[in-house]
Structure formats: C-alpha cells, structure tokens
Protein backbone atom coordinates (compact mmCIF):
# COMPACT_ATOMS: atom_id res chain seq x y z
CA MET A 1 80.28 88.97 100.25
CA GLU A 2 83.15 88.94 102.70
CA GLU A 3 85.02 85.68 103.03
CA ILE A 4 87.02 84.79 106.12
CA THR A 5 89.63 82.05 106.20
CA HIS A 6 91.29 81.01 109.46
CA LEU A 7 94.86 79.82 109.08
CA PRO A 8 97.01 78.38 111.88
CA LEU A 9 100.69 79.14 112.09
CA GLU A 10 102.43 76.73 109.74
CA ARG A 11 105.94 76.24 111.11
CA PRO A 12 105.48 73.83 114.03
CA GLU A 13 109.20 73.48 114.59
CA GLU A 14 109.35 77.23 115.31
CA ASN A 15 106.25 77.18 117.50
CA ALA A 16 106.85 74.25 119.83
CA ILE A 17 106.95 76.51 122.89
CA ALA A 18 103.76 78.25 121.85
CA LYS A 19 101.93 74.98 121.32
CA GLU A 20 103.04 73.66 124.68
CA ALA A 21 101.62 76.81 126.23
CA GLY A 22 98.28 75.96 124.63
CA VAL A 23 97.62 79.22 122.79
CA THR A 24 99.12 80.47 119.53
CA GLY A 25 98.60 83.42 117.27
CA SER A 26 96.23 82.99 114.32
CA LEU A 27 95.88 84.40 110.85
CA ARG A 28 92.56 85.42 109.30
CA LEU A 29 92.11 86.23 105.62
CA HIS A 30 89.39 88.61 104.45
CA LYS A 31 88.36 89.20 100.86
CA PHE A 32 88.24 92.98 100.60
CA LEU A 33 86.55 95.17 97.98
CA SER A 34 87.94 98.69 97.57
CA ASN A 35 85.70 101.44 96.24
CA VAL A 36 88.67 103.78 96.00
CA PHE A 37 90.67 101.55 93.64
CA ARG A 38 87.69 99.54 92.33
CA ASN A 39 89.35 96.18 92.84
CA THR A 40 89.47 93.27 95.26
CA ARG A 41 92.35 91.93 97.35
CA MET A 42 93.00 90.00 100.54
CA VAL A 43 93.49 91.65 103.91
CA ARG A 44 95.42 89.36 106.27
CA VAL A 45 94.90 89.88 110.00
CA TRP A 46 97.29 88.23 112.43
CA LEU A 47 95.92 87.98 115.98
CA PRO A 48 98.25 87.56 118.96
CA PRO A 49 98.14 84.65 121.41
CA GLY A 50 95.26 85.00 123.84
CA TYR A 51 93.21 87.37 121.68
CA GLU A 52 90.14 85.12 121.80
CA GLU A 53 90.41 84.15 125.46
CA ALA A 54 87.50 85.23 127.65
CA ARG A 55 89.81 87.14 130.00
CA ASN A 56 90.91 89.38 127.10
CA GLN A 57 87.50 90.19 125.61
CA SER A 58 87.68 93.81 126.74
CA ARG A 59 91.33 94.27 125.78
CA ARG A 60 92.26 96.40 122.77
CA TYR A 61 95.47 95.88 120.82
CA PRO A 62 98.03 98.02 118.99
CA VAL A 63 98.17 97.33 115.26
CA LEU A 64 100.84 97.42 112.59
CA TYR A 65 99.61 97.77 109.00
CA LEU A 66 102.06 96.41 106.42
CA ASN A 67 101.92 96.59 102.63
CA ASP A 68 102.57 93.67 100.26
CA GLY A 69 100.58 91.37 102.51
CA GLN A 70 101.30 88.35 100.28
CA ASN A 71 104.92 88.40 101.43
CA LEU A 72 104.43 88.54 105.19
CA PHE A 73 103.05 85.28 106.53
CA ASP A 74 103.20 82.45 104.01
CA SER A 75 105.93 81.26 101.64
CA ALA A 76 103.24 79.90 99.29
CA THR A 77 102.08 83.41 98.44
CA ALA A 78 105.36 85.30 98.97
CA PHE A 79 107.59 86.63 96.21
CA ASN A 80 110.15 83.97 95.26
CA GLY A 81 108.70 81.74 97.99
CA VAL A 82 110.31 83.71 100.84
CA ASP A 83 108.12 85.41 103.46
CA TRP A 84 108.89 87.72 106.38
CA HIS A 85 107.89 85.20 109.12
CA VAL A 86 105.80 87.99 110.63
CA GLY A 87 103.52 85.78 112.71
CA GLU A 88 106.33 83.70 114.18
CA THR A 89 108.45 86.75 114.94
CA ALA A 90 105.62 88.68 116.58
CA GLU A 91 104.59 85.68 118.66
CA ARG A 92 108.13 85.05 119.88
CA LEU A 93 108.66 88.68 120.89
CA ILE A 94 105.29 88.79 122.64
CA ARG A 95 106.02 85.62 124.61
CA GLN A 96 109.42 86.96 125.61
CA GLY A 97 107.81 90.15 126.89
CA ILE A 98 109.78 92.28 124.43
CA ILE A 99 106.68 93.74 122.79
CA PRO A 100 103.07 93.86 123.99
CA PRO A 101 100.44 91.65 122.37
CA LEU A 102 99.61 93.37 119.09
CA MET A 103 97.95 92.73 115.76
CA VAL A 104 99.56 92.81 112.32
CA VAL A 105 97.43 93.58 109.28
CA GLY A 106 98.89 92.65 105.90
CA ILE A 107 97.31 94.50 102.98
CA ASP A 108 97.82 92.62 99.74
CA HIS A 109 99.09 94.56 96.76
CA ALA A 110 96.98 94.79 93.63
CA GLN A 111 98.99 92.35 91.51
CA ASN A 112 99.52 93.98 88.07
CA ASP A 113 98.50 97.37 89.45
CA ARG A 114 100.96 97.27 92.35
CA MET A 115 103.28 99.93 90.99
CA LYS A 116 100.37 102.23 90.07
CA GLU A 117 98.95 102.06 93.59
CA TYR A 118 102.30 102.44 95.32
CA LEU A 119 103.55 105.42 93.29
CA PRO A 120 102.02 108.81 94.09
CA TYR A 121 103.92 110.65 91.34
CA ARG A 122 104.62 110.01 87.67
CA SER A 123 107.79 108.03 87.21
CA LEU A 124 110.08 106.90 84.41
CA ASN A 125 112.05 104.53 86.67
CA PRO A 126 109.99 102.47 87.20
CA CYS A 127 107.81 103.59 84.31
CA VAL A 128 104.37 104.57 85.64
CA LEU A 129 102.75 107.44 83.76
CA LEU A 130 99.30 107.19 85.36
CA PRO A 131 100.04 106.65 89.06
CA GLN A 132 97.25 106.11 91.57
CA GLY A 133 99.25 106.36 94.77
CA LYS A 134 97.78 109.73 95.75
CA HIS A 135 94.59 107.80 96.51
CA TYR A 136 96.38 105.35 98.80
CA PRO A 137 96.01 107.34 102.03
CA LEU A 138 92.26 107.55 101.42
CA PHE A 139 92.11 103.82 100.66
CA LEU A 140 93.95 102.98 103.87
CA VAL A 141 92.32 105.45 106.25
CA SER A 142 88.73 105.43 104.99
CA GLU A 143 88.45 101.79 103.86
CA VAL A 144 90.99 99.37 105.30
CA MET A 145 91.34 100.78 108.80
CA PRO A 146 87.57 101.05 109.44
CA PHE A 147 87.12 97.54 108.01
CA VAL A 148 89.61 96.17 110.53
CA SER A 149 88.41 98.22 113.51
CA GLU A 150 84.80 97.12 112.95
CA ARG A 151 85.82 93.47 113.22
CA TYR A 152 88.66 93.50 115.73
CA ARG A 153 89.51 95.19 119.01
CA ILE A 154 91.93 97.91 117.89
CA ALA A 155 93.53 100.34 120.33
CA GLY A 156 93.20 103.95 119.22
CA GLY A 157 95.77 106.70 118.95
CA PRO A 158 98.98 107.11 116.93
CA GLU A 159 101.03 105.45 119.67
CA ASN A 160 99.09 102.24 118.93
CA THR A 161 99.08 102.55 115.13
CA GLY A 162 101.96 101.58 112.86
CA LEU A 163 102.44 101.52 109.11
CA GLY A 164 105.18 100.15 106.93
CA GLY A 165 106.46 98.20 104.00
CA SER A 166 109.42 97.52 101.77
CA SER A 167 110.58 98.93 98.44
CA LEU A 168 107.61 100.68 96.79
CA GLY A 169 105.53 99.50 99.75
CA ALA A 170 107.81 101.60 101.95
CA LEU A 171 107.58 104.54 99.56
CA ILE A 172 103.78 104.64 99.76
CA SER A 173 103.96 104.18 103.55
CA LEU A 174 106.17 107.25 103.78
CA TYR A 175 103.86 109.20 101.49
CA THR A 176 100.83 108.21 103.57
CA ALA A 177 102.52 109.25 106.81
CA ILE A 178 103.33 112.62 105.24
CA GLU A 179 99.81 113.15 103.91
CA ARG A 180 98.15 112.05 107.17
CA PRO A 181 100.39 113.54 109.87
CA GLY A 182 99.58 112.55 113.42
CA MET A 183 97.71 109.38 112.46
CA PHE A 184 100.61 106.90 112.53
CA GLY A 185 102.97 106.89 115.49
CA ARG A 186 105.13 104.03 114.21
CA LEU A 187 106.70 103.90 110.73
CA LEU A 188 108.67 101.00 109.21
CA LEU A 189 110.61 101.78 106.01
CA GLU A 190 112.59 98.89 104.51
CA SER A 191 114.67 99.65 101.41
CA PRO A 192 112.37 102.52 100.38
CA SER A 193 112.41 103.30 96.64
CA LEU A 194 113.32 106.94 97.20
CA PHE A 195 114.79 107.24 93.70
CA ALA A 196 111.36 106.88 92.06
CA SER A 197 109.91 109.97 90.40
CA LYS A 198 113.35 111.61 90.54
CA GLY A 199 113.34 111.73 94.31
CA SER A 200 110.03 113.59 94.65
CA ILE A 201 109.25 111.93 97.97
CA LEU A 202 112.46 113.29 99.50
CA ARG A 203 111.49 116.82 98.54
CA ARG A 204 107.99 116.27 99.92
CA SER A 205 109.44 114.88 103.16
CA ARG A 206 111.12 118.17 103.96
CA ALA A 207 107.72 119.80 104.53
CA LEU A 208 106.74 117.40 107.32
CA ARG A 209 107.36 118.79 110.78
CA HIS A 210 105.51 116.24 112.93
CA TRP A 211 107.00 112.84 112.18
CA PRO A 212 105.78 109.60 113.74
CA GLU A 213 107.07 109.10 117.25
CA LYS A 214 109.22 106.18 116.11
CA VAL A 215 110.71 105.47 112.67
CA PHE A 216 112.73 102.40 111.64
CA LEU A 217 114.63 103.02 108.39
CA ALA A 218 116.82 100.34 106.82
CA VAL A 219 118.64 99.50 103.61
CA GLY A 220 121.31 97.12 102.34
CA THR A 221 124.52 98.05 100.55
CA ARG A 222 123.88 95.58 97.70
CA GLU A 223 120.30 96.51 96.84
CA SER A 224 120.77 96.57 93.07
CA GLY A 225 124.03 94.69 92.54
CA ARG A 226 125.47 97.68 90.68
CA GLU A 227 128.03 99.62 92.66
CA ASP A 228 127.14 103.15 91.54
CA LYS A 229 123.42 102.59 91.98
CA ASP A 230 123.93 100.94 95.36
CA ARG A 231 125.86 103.99 96.57
CA GLN A 232 123.04 106.26 95.44
CA ILE A 233 120.38 104.12 97.14
CA VAL A 234 122.27 104.31 100.43
CA GLU A 235 122.83 108.03 100.01
CA ASP A 236 119.09 108.53 99.46
CA VAL A 237 118.42 106.78 102.75
CA ARG A 238 121.02 108.94 104.46
CA ALA A 239 119.33 112.00 102.94
CA LEU A 240 116.00 110.92 104.39
CA GLU A 241 117.72 110.35 107.72
CA ARG A 242 119.03 113.92 107.68
CA ILE A 243 115.57 115.24 106.87
CA ILE A 244 114.04 113.35 109.77
CA ARG A 245 116.84 114.36 112.14
CA THR A 246 116.20 117.99 111.22
CA ALA A 247 112.69 117.45 112.57
CA ARG A 248 114.39 116.72 115.92
CA LEU A 249 113.92 112.95 116.07
CA ASP A 250 116.59 111.66 118.41
CA GLU A 251 118.25 108.26 118.69
CA GLU A 252 115.30 106.89 120.66
CA SER A 253 112.87 107.96 117.95
CA LEU A 254 114.76 107.10 114.76
CA LEU A 255 116.75 103.92 114.16
CA VAL A 256 118.67 103.63 110.90
CA ARG A 257 120.29 100.41 109.73
CA VAL A 258 122.59 100.22 106.70
CA GLU A 259 123.35 96.51 106.44
CA GLU A 260 126.59 95.65 104.69
CA GLY A 261 126.09 93.21 101.82
CA ALA A 262 122.31 92.95 102.23
CA ALA A 263 120.24 92.75 99.05
CA HIS A 264 116.83 94.06 98.03
CA SER A 265 114.99 90.92 99.09
CA GLU A 266 112.30 89.46 101.31
CA SER A 267 114.95 87.50 103.20
CA ALA A 268 116.83 90.69 104.12
CA TRP A 269 113.63 92.36 105.32
CA ALA A 270 112.63 89.26 107.27
CA LYS A 271 116.03 89.24 108.97
CA ARG A 272 115.66 92.85 110.12
CA PHE A 273 111.99 92.57 111.08
CA PRO A 274 112.56 91.42 114.70
CA GLU A 275 114.70 94.46 115.46
CA ALA A 276 112.22 96.74 113.70
CA LEU A 277 109.26 95.35 115.63
CA GLU A 278 111.09 95.64 118.94
CA PHE A 279 112.16 99.21 118.23
CA LEU A 280 108.72 100.35 117.12
CA PHE A 281 106.63 98.62 119.79
CA GLY A 282 109.12 97.57 122.45
CA ASN A 283 107.88 97.40 126.03
CA GLN A 284 110.97 98.82 127.70
CA GLY A 285 110.36 96.48 130.59
CA LYS A 286 106.66 97.27 131.07
CA GLU A 287 105.28 93.87 130.08
CA GLN A 288 105.95 90.39 131.37
CA PRO A 289 106.38 87.40 129.04
CA SER A 290 103.15 85.78 127.92
CA GLU A 291 102.40 82.57 129.78
C-alpha cells in the first residue's frame, strides 16, 4: 500500500519571506514499489508555492526528476548530513520570478544496490560485474513518471521535463537521455562518473544527434584529491562537452562549469544548483515574482 508523508520546509530562517507571504512549497514522500528492479524506495515530490490553491487547480507544472533523492531535501537523510537545499532554492527562484513554478521529484537510490542500478555497463572501477542500469530508463519512464503524473498535475512535453543527478546519478541520467531521445528537454549532470566502464558512456554519447534542448554540465577540479585523476576527470567532462558541441548545442543550450577547487561532494552540488536550475528552467523575463 502506498504511504504518503507530508513534510513542511524545515529551515524557517531561510523561509521567513515565504511564510510571511502565507504559502510555501511542500514535500510529499511516497513509498514506491518497482516491478522493474523488484524493490521498494521513497519517491519525494516537492510542490511549489500555490500548487494547492483553488486558483491553480487547472494549472500544470514542469518537473525536474533527480536521482539520489535522499540527498536533495533533508540533511537527516543526506550523505554525510549535507543536502542540496533543493526545496529552498526552488522556492526562492520561483518567488523572485527567475524560474516558473515547477515540481522537483527526488527518486531515492536503492541503498546497497545503488551502483548496480546506476551503472549500465560492467565496470571494474567501481567494481560492478552484474550491472542493472540498462533497466533504469524503463524504470523511470514506465514506472516512476506515470506514478507521478497520475497523482500530480504534470505539464507534458520535453520542454517541461528535466532529468539529472550527480556522480553515478549523473551517469545514469546521461544514459537515460541517450536511450530515450526526445523525452527529456532539460539535463543536469553534476560531476558525472564518465570514467566508469572505461569511458563507455562517452563512446555511446557520440551516437546521439538530438540532445536535450538545455544541458548543464559541471565538475570540480578537486574531485578525487589526486592530481592526475582530477585532471582526467576534468578532461572527461571536456570530452563530453566537445561531443555535445558537435551536435550543435550553442552557448544558450549548453552551460559548462569547471569550478576551481571544488570537491566531489553534496555541498559543491548544492552550491551550483541555483545556477543549474535557472539555466535549465529560467523564465527569461516571462514570469513575474510569486506574491
């Protein structure tokens, strides 16, 4: 049986303006059973301010699906106790009129099976000899997305549909976008583990001709703490950039950030998330700040 938990935003000092306005975003947790992977996880749905108001009952909202849902909204569930502050960031940008009201869906990873689900190819670094990642696009498109759209007012079309993650969560996001071209119009890739499976995803990327309309790609220069490996990680990201540029994505479609000194960490991804969200869903002056 599905369980739904309603959670308010938990950082009142960061939400004083929102509370004075009378309406804040809200987080709903759903217990989700996957037939594809034969396991259970949480799906975390963040709703923007005003979603439940009567005047918005016919409104449909863009949605950003993000992997590693445990790390997005709550420090109590996040890796090393550091989350991305996704709800607070989205709410602030919505109220400032920088992005339209949208939903963010965090898909929890499968705990001990995380690497198996996020790797589509066999890998020795990290060591995963029986990967399940080739099933991830089916899991997302045929299970998670219908589950969300049946319960919430989702706007259709690739221009309203984003996907992303960090590390292996970014790798499987990239793989999914490649395997399901035309479905996702917004792609967020933070510190993607392009080295996995001896760079197989880079070779696979070259075959994609129709990339998402907007791609945010970012990495730090201190991802591993080892100079030679850090150089290679950055070079892999530059290689992916060249592949995407070859597909004729211009500066307005692809934004690449190589952050000097940034590590492979939730705090680094949280820091870059506002810019990523603005780039992927920015209004370009079409919306007014939420009142």
